[in-house]
Structure formats: structure tokens, C-alpha cells
């Protein structure tokens, strides 16, 4: 049998009446079958990573929306001298693109996001990184604004106050440990300004 795929058929050929005592592969690999299979699996994973990155990019763009009044609020905060830092679990390669898409990147001094290569990055890690980026070091002057329990809990673990916004992902029950609650952008503006 001249091809390794043909060699895979040897047991079937033998079962159909052949009288084989062994198998000789003319173009066999010097590597073990386990090494070959491992390499093939790694190649599948590498090609899958590209597909995953494409999928994440398209989905992140679809689910990212800006709420009514948010542009004006960000502009007012920026003009009032607030240092805005985005702390997002979205992949780092897309976070800036999303801000640019909505025309609000100019309002943010820094972006702390999830590195694409580090899937095990937690929201707490991202918040800690954001705190390292900001020039504001007095934690009583820092507020985390978020729409999930992870945002509020991460802020609490870092020793900073938080505003849970009810116009995002989680509801009042998940955000009840926030320092403040805002049901819409107008309430958020009243808390901040």
C-alpha cells in the first residue's frame, strides 16, 4: 500500500479476505502518530482562532450601541476636566474601534480592555489595569460606571465607588451593591455633574 491513507484501509482489506501479516508504509513519518495528531489539532486550533476573531469582531459591532444622551454627557464630562478611562471586557483590538465608530474615542484618556490572547482575563483584572492607567490616584475621586454585577463587584473589590446603570445588561437586583443607581443617562448625568 503506497499511501498512508491506504495504510489506514489495511485492516478493512484484511477483514475482506486478505492474508496480511504486517504493514509497510513506504512514506512513513519519523514522528509518532501522537505527535502527528497533536500537530494537526494545533493547526485546527490556529485556523479556528482566526475564525473566532472574525466572529467576535462582527458580533461585538452588532451588540454595541450608544444610548440616547450619552454623547452629550461624555462631552460635558470631558469639558469639565474628568479623566475618562474605559474598562471593558470586550477584546482590546475592538474596544477602540467601537469608540471611534460612535465618535467618542476623543473623550477617553485610556482604554483598559481584554487582551485577545488572554481569554482568562477577568473584569477585576481590567478594572485594576484601568486604575493603573489613570492619573487620579485618590480612590475617593474615582467612580466605576457599569451595567453588570461584575462591574459593581469589581469596583467594590478595588475599593472604589460605583454607579450601576439600569439601561444596560443587568437589573436592579444584580446591581444593588452599587454605591449609586441610575435608571437612565439623565440620572447618570445628575449624579456626575
Protein backbone atom coordinates (compact mmCIF):
# COMPACT_ATOMS: atom_id res chain seq x y z
CA UNK A 1 0.00 0.00 0.00
CA UNK A 2 1.69 3.17 -1.19
CA UNK A 3 -0.03 5.95 0.74
CA UNK A 4 -0.57 6.42 4.45
CA UNK A 5 -4.31 6.78 3.84
CA UNK A 6 -4.19 3.44 2.04
CA UNK A 7 -2.42 2.06 5.09
CA UNK A 8 -5.44 3.05 7.14
CA UNK A 9 -7.50 0.73 4.94
CA UNK A 10 -5.27 -2.30 5.55
CA UNK A 11 -7.41 -3.70 8.42
CA UNK A 12 -10.53 -3.49 6.23
CA UNK A 13 -8.78 -5.15 3.32
CA UNK A 14 -7.57 -7.88 5.66
CA UNK A 15 -11.10 -8.39 7.02
CA UNK A 16 -12.38 -8.91 3.47
CA UNK A 17 -10.14 -11.89 2.88
CA UNK A 18 -6.58 -10.63 2.68
CA UNK A 19 -3.92 -12.56 4.50
CA UNK A 20 -1.76 -9.80 5.96
CA UNK A 21 1.00 -10.31 8.49
CA UNK A 22 2.00 -6.66 8.75
CA UNK A 23 2.00 -3.25 7.13
CA UNK A 24 4.86 -1.39 5.50
CA UNK A 25 4.45 2.35 4.97
CA UNK A 26 6.74 3.50 2.20
CA UNK A 27 6.42 7.19 3.04
CA UNK A 28 6.05 6.91 6.78
CA UNK A 29 6.85 9.74 9.14
CA UNK A 30 9.76 9.59 11.57
CA UNK A 31 7.38 11.12 14.14
CA UNK A 32 4.99 9.13 16.26
CA UNK A 33 1.29 9.07 15.45
CA UNK A 34 0.64 11.02 18.66
CA UNK A 35 2.98 13.82 17.56
CA UNK A 36 1.31 14.00 14.16
CA UNK A 37 -2.17 14.14 15.70
CA UNK A 38 -1.08 16.85 18.15
CA UNK A 39 0.31 18.98 15.31
CA UNK A 40 -2.88 18.52 13.30
CA UNK A 41 -5.02 19.55 16.27
CA UNK A 42 -2.85 22.62 16.88
CA UNK A 43 -3.27 23.62 13.22
CA UNK A 44 -7.04 23.27 13.50
CA UNK A 45 -6.95 25.47 16.63
CA UNK A 46 -4.82 28.10 14.86
CA UNK A 47 -7.20 28.26 11.92
CA UNK A 48 -10.16 28.31 14.33
CA UNK A 49 -8.67 31.29 16.19
CA UNK A 50 -8.85 33.37 13.02
CA UNK A 51 -12.48 32.38 12.55
CA UNK A 52 -13.21 33.17 16.19
CA UNK A 53 -11.59 36.61 15.88
CA UNK A 54 -13.71 37.37 12.80
CA UNK A 55 -16.87 36.21 14.58
CA UNK A 56 -16.13 38.23 17.72
CA UNK A 57 -15.44 41.33 15.64
CA UNK A 58 -18.75 41.09 13.79
CA UNK A 59 -20.78 40.30 16.91
CA UNK A 60 -19.18 42.99 19.09
CA UNK A 61 -20.06 45.60 16.49
CA UNK A 62 -23.67 44.39 16.42
CA UNK A 63 -24.22 44.39 20.18
CA UNK A 64 -22.50 47.69 20.87
CA UNK A 65 -24.96 50.53 20.94
CA UNK A 66 -24.82 54.02 22.36
CA UNK A 67 -27.68 55.24 24.49
CA UNK A 68 -29.57 58.49 23.88
CA UNK A 69 -27.82 61.40 25.55
CA UNK A 70 -24.54 59.56 26.11
CA UNK A 71 -22.51 61.57 23.57
CA UNK A 72 -23.57 64.85 25.21
CA UNK A 73 -22.80 63.50 28.69
CA UNK A 74 -19.33 62.31 27.67
CA UNK A 75 -18.64 65.67 26.04
CA UNK A 76 -19.69 67.56 29.19
CA UNK A 77 -17.60 65.32 31.43
CA UNK A 78 -14.59 65.79 29.16
CA UNK A 79 -15.04 69.56 29.05
CA UNK A 80 -15.40 69.65 32.85
CA UNK A 81 -11.96 68.03 33.14
CA UNK A 82 -12.93 64.48 34.04
CA UNK A 83 -10.35 61.86 33.08
CA UNK A 84 -12.38 59.11 31.44
CA UNK A 85 -11.00 55.58 31.26
CA UNK A 86 -12.90 52.80 29.53
CA UNK A 87 -12.77 49.46 31.39
CA UNK A 88 -14.37 46.86 29.12
CA UNK A 89 -14.40 43.09 28.77
CA UNK A 90 -14.62 43.49 25.01
CA UNK A 91 -11.46 42.43 23.16
CA UNK A 92 -8.78 45.14 23.17
CA UNK A 93 -8.43 45.09 19.39
CA UNK A 94 -12.07 46.16 19.02
CA UNK A 95 -12.65 48.46 22.02
CA UNK A 96 -11.01 51.48 20.37
CA UNK A 97 -12.74 50.75 17.08
CA UNK A 98 -16.13 50.78 18.80
CA UNK A 99 -15.38 54.13 20.43
CA UNK A 100 -14.26 55.51 17.06
CA UNK A 101 -17.41 54.14 15.40
CA UNK A 102 -19.55 56.22 17.78
CA UNK A 103 -17.22 59.25 17.55
CA UNK A 104 -16.41 59.23 21.28
CA UNK A 105 -12.84 57.97 21.43
CA UNK A 106 -11.59 61.55 21.78
CA UNK A 107 -13.23 61.76 25.21
CA UNK A 108 -11.28 58.84 26.69
CA UNK A 109 -7.78 59.23 28.08
CA UNK A 110 -7.19 55.46 28.27
CA UNK A 111 -8.71 52.11 27.39
CA UNK A 112 -8.38 49.03 29.58
CA UNK A 113 -9.76 46.02 27.71
CA UNK A 114 -9.46 42.26 27.50
CA UNK A 115 -6.35 41.15 25.58
CA UNK A 116 -7.47 38.91 22.70
CA UNK A 117 -4.79 36.34 23.57
CA UNK A 118 -5.76 36.13 27.26
CA UNK A 119 -9.24 34.63 27.46
CA UNK A 120 -8.95 34.19 31.24
CA UNK A 121 -8.77 37.94 31.95
CA UNK A 122 -11.43 38.90 34.49
CA UNK A 123 -13.34 42.16 34.86
CA UNK A 124 -11.46 42.68 38.12
CA UNK A 125 -8.16 42.44 36.18
CA UNK A 126 -9.45 45.01 33.70
CA UNK A 127 -10.57 47.43 36.44
CA UNK A 128 -7.20 47.09 38.21
CA UNK A 129 -5.43 47.84 34.93
CA UNK A 130 -7.67 50.89 34.41
CA UNK A 131 -6.73 52.17 37.87
CA UNK A 132 -3.06 51.84 36.94
CA UNK A 133 -3.64 53.86 33.76
CA UNK A 134 -5.41 56.83 35.32
CA UNK A 135 -3.52 59.77 36.74
CA UNK A 136 -6.11 60.01 39.53
CA UNK A 137 -4.71 58.10 42.50
CA UNK A 138 -7.14 59.13 45.24
CA UNK A 139 -9.72 56.33 45.09
CA UNK A 140 -12.40 58.55 46.65
CA UNK A 141 -12.28 60.60 43.42
CA UNK A 142 -12.84 57.57 41.14
CA UNK A 143 -16.20 56.11 40.11
CA UNK A 144 -16.78 52.92 38.16
CA UNK A 145 -19.88 53.13 35.98
CA UNK A 146 -21.19 49.78 34.86
CA UNK A 147 -24.23 47.77 33.86
CA UNK A 148 -23.25 44.37 35.28
CA UNK A 149 -22.68 42.76 38.64
CA UNK A 150 -19.05 42.21 37.57
CA UNK A 151 -18.57 45.98 37.15
CA UNK A 152 -20.06 46.80 40.55
CA UNK A 153 -18.38 43.92 42.36
CA UNK A 154 -15.01 44.67 40.71
CA UNK A 155 -15.24 48.30 41.81
CA UNK A 156 -16.02 47.22 45.37
CA UNK A 157 -13.06 44.80 45.40
CA UNK A 158 -10.80 47.63 44.22
CA UNK A 159 -12.07 49.98 46.93
CA UNK A 160 -13.85 52.44 44.64
CA UNK A 161 -17.46 53.61 44.45
CA UNK A 162 -19.69 52.58 41.59
CA UNK A 163 -22.77 53.61 39.68
CA UNK A 164 -24.95 50.77 38.47
CA UNK A 165 -26.83 51.79 35.34
CA UNK A 166 -30.14 50.04 34.73
CA UNK A 167 -30.25 50.73 30.99
CA UNK A 168 -27.67 48.05 30.21
CA UNK A 169 -27.31 44.33 30.82
CA UNK A 170 -28.22 43.59 34.46
CA UNK A 171 -31.21 44.67 36.51
CA UNK A 172 -31.62 46.27 39.95
CA UNK A 173 -31.17 43.01 41.85
CA UNK A 174 -27.71 42.35 40.34
CA UNK A 175 -26.64 45.98 40.80
CA UNK A 176 -27.99 46.54 44.33
CA UNK A 177 -24.50 46.68 45.85
CA UNK A 178 -23.58 49.72 43.72
CA UNK A 179 -22.94 52.98 45.56
CA UNK A 180 -25.44 54.74 43.29
CA UNK A 181 -28.08 53.57 40.80
CA UNK A 182 -29.04 55.41 37.62
CA UNK A 183 -32.08 54.29 35.65
CA UNK A 184 -31.14 56.30 32.56
CA UNK A 185 -28.48 58.65 31.14
CA UNK A 186 -30.24 61.69 32.60
CA UNK A 187 -29.98 60.27 36.15
CA UNK A 188 -26.35 59.38 35.49
CA UNK A 189 -25.70 62.98 34.45
CA UNK A 190 -27.34 64.26 37.64
CA UNK A 191 -25.11 62.04 39.77
CA UNK A 192 -21.90 63.02 37.96
CA UNK A 193 -22.45 66.71 37.33
